[in-house]
């Protein structure tokens, strides 16, 4: 395929059961785009075609920096519809995980924290718009440069997210508008990330299905971090993946708050208070006596109230010396037997 409408096709960058995605150039606006073309197997099925168009409507309804932008909708000469989408030039979270696996690099906890924060924001936005994604997984988490006015998710030296990387959600092919249907009519999703209620015909669906899938993505990242998993982090992830949705975090903001708090606690340095060491020897009760000659005593007028030159302190020192000499003589006589 060389062209789709006015767009020049450069390469195919993805293919699935229902659609193929191409990297293309818009020669009029001079920008790169992604074009998603519905496959021939479902293009002429009324329901399949309607779901494809509904995907574009839902994405336009969300209209957030955290979701891929829809530029246009068109149809090929053979009748297959296509969507013109924002191109995430830096690939997917799945691509980054594969790169790290090949190079045998580990994922840092700050990278996991960045993904949790970005996913929490993206899910809160789409749920606020009344949409449940139903297919959160690493290949549907795209990476692009941070848009103007938005802080990047990446950081210099990051292994998973780098520099000005910015995480967005894409592929709303299985998304549901919560105001139009709240029950499962057919099992849909990716088994490794799919909430149990998505496989139960007639089950009610809400944003907690996305919380389950996002928790599964985080668990996959944590399995690639060095060291044992922190118990608080493990508990927050396990809560998000509870089989009973009533036991999960109630919404995306609570989920992100729960996990970010646990991750931050696991990164906090441990403060250890070391008690002071015991003294190596007892402190002297009195200052050591000086054997230096006693300086001449000042004439009258400097004596203490005892009348003794030098005052009461010098008197006490001399008396202590006399006592020490007397004790020494007694000890010596006793030792020699009085001879």
Protein backbone atom coordinates (compact mmCIF):
# COMPACT_ATOMS: atom_id res chain seq x y z
CA UNK A 1 0.00 0.00 0.00
CA UNK A 2 1.61 3.24 -1.17
CA UNK A 3 -1.02 5.78 -0.20
CA UNK A 4 -4.13 6.14 1.94
CA UNK A 5 -6.08 9.13 0.76
CA UNK A 6 -3.64 12.03 0.61
CA UNK A 7 -1.27 10.31 3.06
CA UNK A 8 1.97 8.69 1.86
CA UNK A 9 2.43 5.31 3.55
CA UNK A 10 5.97 4.79 4.87
CA UNK A 11 5.70 1.43 6.66
CA UNK A 12 3.36 -0.88 8.53
CA UNK A 13 4.05 -0.63 12.25
CA UNK A 14 1.43 -2.99 13.67
CA UNK A 15 -1.21 -5.53 12.79
CA UNK A 16 -3.95 -7.17 14.83
CA UNK A 17 -7.01 -9.33 14.39
CA UNK A 18 -9.20 -6.42 13.34
CA UNK A 19 -6.92 -3.68 12.00
CA UNK A 20 -3.47 -2.75 10.72
CA UNK A 21 -1.59 0.42 11.63
CA UNK A 22 0.68 2.33 9.25
CA UNK A 23 3.20 5.09 9.69
CA UNK A 24 2.46 7.75 7.09
CA UNK A 25 3.25 11.31 6.11
CA UNK A 26 0.77 14.10 5.57
CA UNK A 27 2.30 16.10 2.68
CA UNK A 28 -0.13 18.99 3.17
CA UNK A 29 0.46 19.60 6.89
CA UNK A 30 4.01 18.17 6.75
CA UNK A 31 3.65 15.88 9.72
CA UNK A 32 3.87 12.19 10.47
CA UNK A 33 0.69 10.35 11.45
CA UNK A 34 -0.53 6.86 12.27
CA UNK A 35 -3.30 5.42 10.11
CA UNK A 36 -5.41 2.58 11.45
CA UNK A 37 -7.19 0.62 8.72
CA UNK A 38 -9.99 -1.81 9.54
CA UNK A 39 -9.27 -5.29 8.18
CA UNK A 40 -11.32 -6.74 5.33
CA UNK A 41 -12.61 -9.51 7.61
CA UNK A 42 -14.68 -7.06 9.65
CA UNK A 43 -14.86 -3.99 7.42
CA UNK A 44 -18.12 -5.14 5.86
CA UNK A 45 -19.69 -6.41 9.05
CA UNK A 46 -22.19 -3.85 10.24
CA UNK A 47 -21.32 -4.26 13.94
CA UNK A 48 -17.58 -4.32 13.30
CA UNK A 49 -17.74 -1.19 11.19
CA UNK A 50 -19.88 0.62 13.73
CA UNK A 51 -17.47 -0.28 16.58
CA UNK A 52 -14.59 1.13 14.53
CA UNK A 53 -16.32 4.45 13.98
CA UNK A 54 -17.41 4.51 17.62
CA UNK A 55 -13.75 4.21 18.64
CA UNK A 56 -13.04 7.49 16.86
CA UNK A 57 -16.01 9.16 18.51
CA UNK A 58 -14.98 8.03 21.99
CA UNK A 59 -11.41 9.25 21.49
CA UNK A 60 -12.67 12.62 20.29
CA UNK A 61 -14.98 12.73 23.31
CA UNK A 62 -12.06 12.21 25.70
CA UNK A 63 -9.78 14.77 24.00
CA UNK A 64 -6.89 14.65 26.48
CA UNK A 65 -3.10 14.89 26.25
CA UNK A 66 -3.10 11.46 27.90
CA UNK A 67 -4.86 9.80 24.94
CA UNK A 68 -3.92 9.61 21.27
CA UNK A 69 -5.51 12.36 19.18
CA UNK A 70 -7.86 11.52 16.28
CA UNK A 71 -7.31 13.81 13.31
CA UNK A 72 -9.69 12.40 10.73
CA UNK A 73 -11.83 9.48 9.54
CA UNK A 74 -11.87 8.25 5.94
CA UNK A 75 -12.61 5.31 3.66
CA UNK A 76 -10.46 3.45 1.14
CA UNK A 77 -11.72 2.84 -2.41
CA UNK A 78 -12.51 -0.77 -1.46
CA UNK A 79 -14.80 0.42 1.32
CA UNK A 80 -12.54 -0.16 4.33
CA UNK A 81 -12.70 2.71 6.87
CA UNK A 82 -9.59 4.19 8.44
CA UNK A 83 -8.66 6.55 11.27
CA UNK A 84 -5.89 9.15 11.07
CA UNK A 85 -4.25 9.32 14.49
CA UNK A 86 -1.44 11.03 16.34
CA UNK A 87 1.80 9.10 15.87
CA UNK A 88 3.64 8.20 19.06
CA UNK A 89 7.15 8.37 17.62
CA UNK A 90 8.82 6.54 20.48
CA UNK A 91 6.91 3.28 20.31
CA UNK A 92 5.07 1.49 23.08
CA UNK A 93 5.72 0.45 26.65
CA UNK A 94 5.85 -3.11 25.32
CA UNK A 95 8.70 -2.13 22.97
CA UNK A 96 10.67 -0.64 25.87
CA UNK A 97 10.18 -3.74 28.02
CA UNK A 98 11.44 -5.92 25.16
CA UNK A 99 14.51 -3.68 24.73
CA UNK A 100 15.40 -3.98 28.40
CA UNK A 101 14.86 -7.73 28.38
CA UNK A 102 17.20 -8.11 25.39
CA UNK A 103 19.92 -6.02 27.05
CA UNK A 104 19.27 -7.73 30.42
CA UNK A 105 18.66 -4.38 32.10
CA UNK A 106 16.51 -4.01 35.17
CA UNK A 107 13.71 -1.48 35.61
CA UNK A 108 14.15 1.03 38.42
CA UNK A 109 11.40 1.72 40.95
CA UNK A 110 11.32 5.42 39.87
CA UNK A 111 10.38 4.20 36.36
CA UNK A 112 7.55 2.11 37.80
CA UNK A 113 6.41 5.12 39.78
CA UNK A 114 6.33 7.26 36.61
CA UNK A 115 4.18 4.70 34.78
CA UNK A 116 1.75 4.45 37.72
CA UNK A 117 1.39 8.23 37.86
CA UNK A 118 0.80 8.52 34.10
CA UNK A 119 -1.66 5.62 33.95
CA UNK A 120 -3.53 6.91 36.99
CA UNK A 121 -3.95 10.31 35.32
CA UNK A 122 -4.99 8.79 31.96
CA UNK A 123 -7.54 6.44 33.52
CA UNK A 124 -9.00 9.19 35.71
CA UNK A 125 -9.51 11.32 32.59
CA UNK A 126 -11.25 8.64 30.49
CA UNK A 127 -13.41 7.47 33.40
CA UNK A 128 -14.44 11.07 34.10
CA UNK A 129 -15.58 11.20 30.46
CA UNK A 130 -17.71 8.10 31.03
CA UNK A 131 -15.46 5.68 29.10
CA UNK A 132 -13.92 2.37 30.19
CA UNK A 133 -10.98 1.26 28.03
CA UNK A 134 -11.23 -2.54 28.61
CA UNK A 135 -7.86 -3.30 26.98
CA UNK A 136 -5.10 -1.72 29.07
CA UNK A 137 -1.81 -3.51 28.30
CA UNK A 138 1.80 -2.49 27.51
CA UNK A 139 1.26 -2.49 23.74
CA UNK A 140 -1.59 0.02 24.12
CA UNK A 141 0.52 2.36 26.26
CA UNK A 142 2.33 4.66 23.81
CA UNK A 143 5.32 6.95 24.33
CA UNK A 144 5.75 10.36 22.73
CA UNK A 145 7.64 13.58 23.56
CA UNK A 146 6.00 15.61 26.31
CA UNK A 147 3.61 18.20 24.82
CA UNK A 148 4.25 21.85 25.50
CA UNK A 149 3.12 22.86 28.96
CA UNK A 150 3.20 19.32 30.38
CA UNK A 151 5.88 17.83 32.61
CA UNK A 152 7.56 14.73 31.14
CA UNK A 153 7.17 11.30 32.71
CA UNK A 154 10.75 10.35 31.85
CA UNK A 155 13.94 11.41 33.59
CA UNK A 156 17.57 11.63 32.49
CA UNK A 157 19.21 8.26 32.96
CA UNK A 158 15.91 6.39 33.25
CA UNK A 159 15.92 2.85 31.92
CA UNK A 160 12.27 2.55 30.90
CA UNK A 161 11.19 6.18 30.45
CA UNK A 162 13.86 8.65 29.37
CA UNK A 163 14.33 12.40 29.25
CA UNK A 164 11.10 14.03 27.96
CA UNK A 165 9.10 10.81 27.40
CA UNK A 166 5.35 11.20 27.89
CA UNK A 167 2.92 8.28 28.29
CA UNK A 168 -0.47 8.16 26.54
CA UNK A 169 -3.23 5.58 26.04
CA UNK A 170 -4.27 4.35 22.60
CA UNK A 171 -6.42 1.70 20.87
CA UNK A 172 -9.95 2.27 22.11
CA UNK A 173 -11.34 -0.50 19.91
CA UNK A 174 -12.83 -2.33 22.91
CA UNK A 175 -13.78 0.79 24.85
CA UNK A 176 -17.30 1.23 26.13
CA UNK A 177 -19.26 4.36 26.89
CA UNK A 178 -20.62 3.75 30.37
CA UNK A 179 -23.72 5.79 29.68
CA UNK A 180 -24.75 3.48 26.83
CA UNK A 181 -24.00 0.00 28.19
CA UNK A 182 -22.84 -1.34 31.51
CA UNK A 183 -23.05 -5.07 30.91
CA UNK A 184 -20.80 -7.53 29.12
CA UNK A 185 -22.40 -9.00 26.02
CA UNK A 186 -19.29 -10.90 24.90
CA UNK A 187 -15.95 -11.70 26.53
CA UNK A 188 -13.38 -9.20 25.24
CA UNK A 189 -9.89 -8.21 26.22
CA UNK A 190 -6.37 -9.62 26.51
CA UNK A 191 -6.41 -12.61 28.90
CA UNK A 192 -3.20 -11.73 30.78
CA UNK A 193 -4.61 -8.31 31.73
CA UNK A 194 -8.37 -8.88 31.60
CA UNK A 195 -10.49 -8.42 34.72
CA UNK A 196 -12.59 -11.51 35.62
CA UNK A 197 -15.87 -9.65 35.08
CA UNK A 198 -14.94 -8.97 31.44
CA UNK A 199 -15.33 -12.68 30.71
CA UNK A 200 -18.65 -13.04 32.53
CA UNK A 201 -21.58 -12.53 30.17
CA UNK A 202 -24.08 -10.17 31.73
CA UNK A 203 -21.62 -8.84 34.30
CA UNK A 204 -21.57 -5.14 35.03
CA UNK A 205 -18.49 -3.23 33.87
CA UNK A 206 -17.02 -0.01 35.21
CA UNK A 207 -13.63 1.66 35.61
CA UNK A 208 -12.45 -0.98 38.07
CA UNK A 209 -11.92 -3.33 35.11
CA UNK A 210 -9.21 -0.90 33.92
CA UNK A 211 -7.74 -0.75 37.44
CA UNK A 212 -7.31 -4.54 37.33
CA UNK A 213 -5.52 -4.36 33.95
CA UNK A 214 -3.31 -1.43 35.00
CA UNK A 215 -2.31 -3.35 38.14
CA UNK A 216 -1.33 -6.31 35.96
CA UNK A 217 0.89 -3.99 33.89
CA UNK A 218 2.54 -2.65 37.06
CA UNK A 219 3.07 -6.21 38.36
CA UNK A 220 4.85 -7.04 35.10
CA UNK A 221 7.17 -4.05 35.56
CA UNK A 222 7.86 -4.87 39.22
CA UNK A 223 8.92 -8.39 38.24
CA UNK A 224 11.80 -6.71 36.37
CA UNK A 225 13.00 -4.53 39.25
CA UNK A 226 16.04 -5.60 41.31
CA UNK A 227 15.59 -7.06 44.77
CA UNK A 228 12.51 -8.45 46.52
CA UNK A 229 9.18 -6.71 46.13
CA UNK A 230 8.30 -4.39 48.99
CA UNK A 231 5.38 -5.79 51.02
CA UNK A 232 3.44 -2.49 50.89
CA UNK A 233 3.79 -2.28 47.12
CA UNK A 234 2.79 -5.93 46.71
CA UNK A 235 -0.31 -5.35 48.84
CA UNK A 236 -1.39 -2.33 46.75
CA UNK A 237 -0.96 -4.28 43.49
CA UNK A 238 -2.79 -7.29 44.91
CA UNK A 239 -5.69 -5.05 45.92
CA UNK A 240 -5.91 -3.68 42.38
CA UNK A 241 -6.00 -7.24 41.00
CA UNK A 242 -8.58 -8.59 43.42
CA UNK A 243 -10.98 -10.97 41.66
CA UNK A 244 -13.91 -9.31 43.39
CA UNK A 245 -13.99 -5.77 42.02
CA UNK A 246 -15.56 -4.53 45.25
CA UNK A 247 -12.22 -5.25 46.95
CA UNK A 248 -10.22 -3.14 44.48
CA UNK A 249 -9.49 0.56 44.81
CA UNK A 250 -12.76 2.37 44.04
CA UNK A 251 -11.38 4.61 41.29
CA UNK A 252 -8.24 5.48 39.33
CA UNK A 253 -7.19 8.33 41.61
CA UNK A 254 -7.40 6.10 44.70
CA UNK A 255 -5.47 3.40 42.85
CA UNK A 256 -2.66 5.79 41.92
CA UNK A 257 -2.57 7.30 45.43
CA UNK A 258 -2.39 3.84 47.01
CA UNK A 259 0.42 2.62 44.76
CA UNK A 260 2.43 5.85 44.70
CA UNK A 261 2.37 6.01 48.49
CA UNK A 262 3.67 2.45 48.74
CA UNK A 263 6.35 3.04 46.09
CA UNK A 264 7.51 6.25 47.77
CA UNK A 265 7.73 4.48 51.11
CA UNK A 266 9.84 1.74 49.53
CA UNK A 267 12.24 4.38 48.16
CA UNK A 268 12.57 6.34 51.42
CA UNK A 269 15.97 5.96 53.12
CA UNK A 270 15.92 4.03 56.39
CA UNK A 271 17.05 6.15 59.35
CA UNK A 272 18.93 4.19 62.02
CA UNK A 273 19.58 5.83 65.42
CA UNK A 274 22.91 4.66 66.88
CA UNK A 275 23.17 5.02 70.69
CA UNK A 276 26.33 6.76 71.97
CA UNK A 277 29.23 4.48 72.87
CA UNK A 278 29.79 3.94 76.63
CA UNK A 279 32.80 5.78 78.16
CA UNK A 280 36.05 3.80 78.00
CA UNK A 281 37.07 4.86 81.54
CA UNK A 282 35.60 6.71 84.48
CA UNK A 283 36.19 10.43 84.51
CA UNK A 284 38.54 11.60 87.32
CA UNK A 285 36.75 12.87 90.38
CA UNK A 286 39.35 15.60 90.96
CA UNK A 287 41.65 17.34 88.52
CA UNK A 288 45.20 15.93 88.58
CA UNK A 289 47.53 17.57 91.07
CA UNK A 290 50.35 19.66 89.65
CA UNK A 291 53.87 18.87 90.89
CA UNK A 292 55.13 22.26 89.78
CA UNK A 293 56.54 24.52 92.51
CA UNK A 294 53.99 26.67 94.22
CA UNK A 295 54.32 30.29 93.23
CA UNK A 296 55.02 32.74 96.00
CA UNK A 297 51.92 33.88 97.79
CA UNK A 298 50.91 37.48 97.31
CA UNK A 299 51.31 39.71 100.27
CA UNK A 300 48.56 40.61 102.67
CA UNK A 301 45.30 41.58 101.07
CA UNK A 302 45.01 38.52 98.78
CA UNK A 303 44.38 35.98 101.54
CA UNK A 304 40.99 34.36 101.86
CA UNK A 305 38.67 34.61 104.79
CA UNK A 306 40.67 31.82 106.55
CA UNK A 307 43.57 34.20 106.96
CA UNK A 308 45.82 31.66 105.23
CA UNK A 309 47.78 33.14 102.30
CA UNK A 310 46.32 31.96 99.01
CA UNK A 311 42.88 31.47 100.40
CA UNK A 312 40.85 28.32 101.25
CA UNK A 313 41.57 26.55 97.92
CA UNK A 314 45.36 26.51 98.43
CA UNK A 315 44.85 25.39 102.03
CA UNK A 316 42.70 22.47 100.88
CA UNK A 317 45.32 21.44 98.35
CA UNK A 318 48.16 21.48 100.92
CA UNK A 319 46.08 19.50 103.40
CA UNK A 320 45.36 16.90 100.70
CA UNK A 321 49.11 16.60 100.02
CA UNK A 322 49.87 16.12 103.71
CA UNK A 323 47.22 13.42 104.03
CA UNK A 324 48.58 11.62 100.96
CA UNK A 325 52.13 11.68 102.37
CA UNK A 326 50.95 10.37 105.74
CA UNK A 327 49.00 7.53 104.14
CA UNK A 328 52.06 6.64 102.07
CA UNK A 329 54.28 6.44 105.18
CA UNK A 330 51.79 4.20 106.98
CA UNK A 331 51.51 1.86 103.99
CA UNK A 332 55.31 1.67 103.69
CA UNK A 333 55.76 0.81 107.38
CA UNK A 334 53.11 -1.86 107.17
CA UNK A 335 54.77 -3.38 104.07
CA UNK A 336 58.25 -3.53 105.77
CA UNK A 337 56.90 -4.87 108.99
CA UNK A 338 57.59 -1.71 110.85
CA UNK A 339 61.38 -2.03 110.51
